[in-house]
Amino acid sequence: MNTLAQEILKNFDDLPTTEQRVIAAEILKRVINFDVPPMTDEDLVLNAEKLFLTLDEEEIDYE
């Protein structure tokens, strides 16, 4: 991710939740028509693994 993209995300994070929702909705409207190839089974498994590891870490933090 380049510096501009990181700056955009930082600015987004600094906005109030209501503004974040409006901007997120606008971005989703723009990307809905992107020609994105379907994820492979391997991609899905890797993403699921990352998600479950993150959830495990969060669960440890709550204990």
Protein backbone atom coordinates (compact mmCIF):
# COMPACT_ATOMS: atom_id res chain seq x y z
CA MET A 1 0.00 0.00 0.00
CA ASN A 2 1.45 3.35 -0.93
CA THR A 3 1.77 6.42 1.27
CA LEU A 4 -1.31 8.13 -0.17
CA ALA A 5 -3.50 5.11 0.55
CA GLN A 6 -2.16 4.91 4.10
CA GLU A 7 -2.90 8.61 4.58
CA ILE A 8 -6.44 8.17 3.28
CA LEU A 9 -7.04 5.31 5.74
CA LYS A 10 -5.56 7.33 8.62
CA ASN A 11 -7.84 10.26 7.79
CA PHE A 12 -10.80 7.88 7.53
CA ASP A 13 -10.00 6.45 10.99
CA ASP A 14 -9.93 9.97 12.42
CA LEU A 15 -13.48 10.75 11.24
CA PRO A 16 -16.57 10.37 13.41
CA THR A 17 -18.40 7.07 12.97
CA THR A 18 -21.30 8.68 11.11
CA GLU A 19 -18.94 10.15 8.50
CA GLN A 20 -17.08 6.83 8.22
CA ARG A 21 -20.37 5.11 7.38
CA VAL A 22 -21.24 7.64 4.68
CA ILE A 23 -17.80 7.36 3.09
CA ALA A 24 -17.80 3.55 3.34
CA ALA A 25 -21.16 3.44 1.56
CA GLU A 26 -19.85 5.70 -1.22
CA ILE A 27 -16.73 3.57 -1.66
CA LEU A 28 -18.82 0.39 -1.82
CA LYS A 29 -21.00 1.96 -4.53
CA ARG A 30 -17.87 2.65 -6.57
CA VAL A 31 -16.20 -0.77 -6.16
CA ILE A 32 -19.28 -2.95 -6.59
CA ASN A 33 -18.63 -3.14 -10.34
CA PHE A 34 -14.91 -3.97 -10.13
CA ASP A 35 -13.95 -7.00 -12.16
CA VAL A 36 -12.47 -9.07 -9.36
CA PRO A 37 -11.63 -12.71 -9.99
CA PRO A 38 -13.12 -15.21 -7.56
CA MET A 39 -10.93 -16.27 -4.66
CA THR A 40 -9.33 -19.68 -4.83
CA ASP A 41 -9.95 -22.27 -2.15
CA GLU A 42 -6.39 -21.68 -0.95
CA ASP A 43 -7.03 -17.92 -0.62
CA LEU A 44 -10.20 -18.60 1.35
CA VAL A 45 -8.42 -21.01 3.70
CA LEU A 46 -5.56 -18.55 4.30
CA ASN A 47 -7.97 -15.70 5.03
CA ALA A 48 -10.01 -17.88 7.36
CA GLU A 49 -6.84 -18.93 9.17
CA LYS A 50 -5.79 -15.30 9.65
CA LEU A 51 -9.27 -14.43 10.92
CA PHE A 52 -9.37 -17.29 13.43
CA LEU A 53 -5.85 -16.51 14.67
CA THR A 54 -6.87 -12.89 15.22
CA LEU A 55 -10.00 -13.97 17.06
CA ASP A 56 -7.93 -16.33 19.23
CA GLU A 57 -5.59 -13.47 20.14
CA GLU A 58 -8.52 -11.22 21.02
CA GLU A 59 -10.08 -13.95 23.14
CA ILE A 60 -6.81 -14.33 25.08
CA ASP A 61 -6.80 -10.59 25.69
CA TYR A 62 -10.31 -10.76 27.21
CA GLU A 63 -9.41 -13.55 29.62
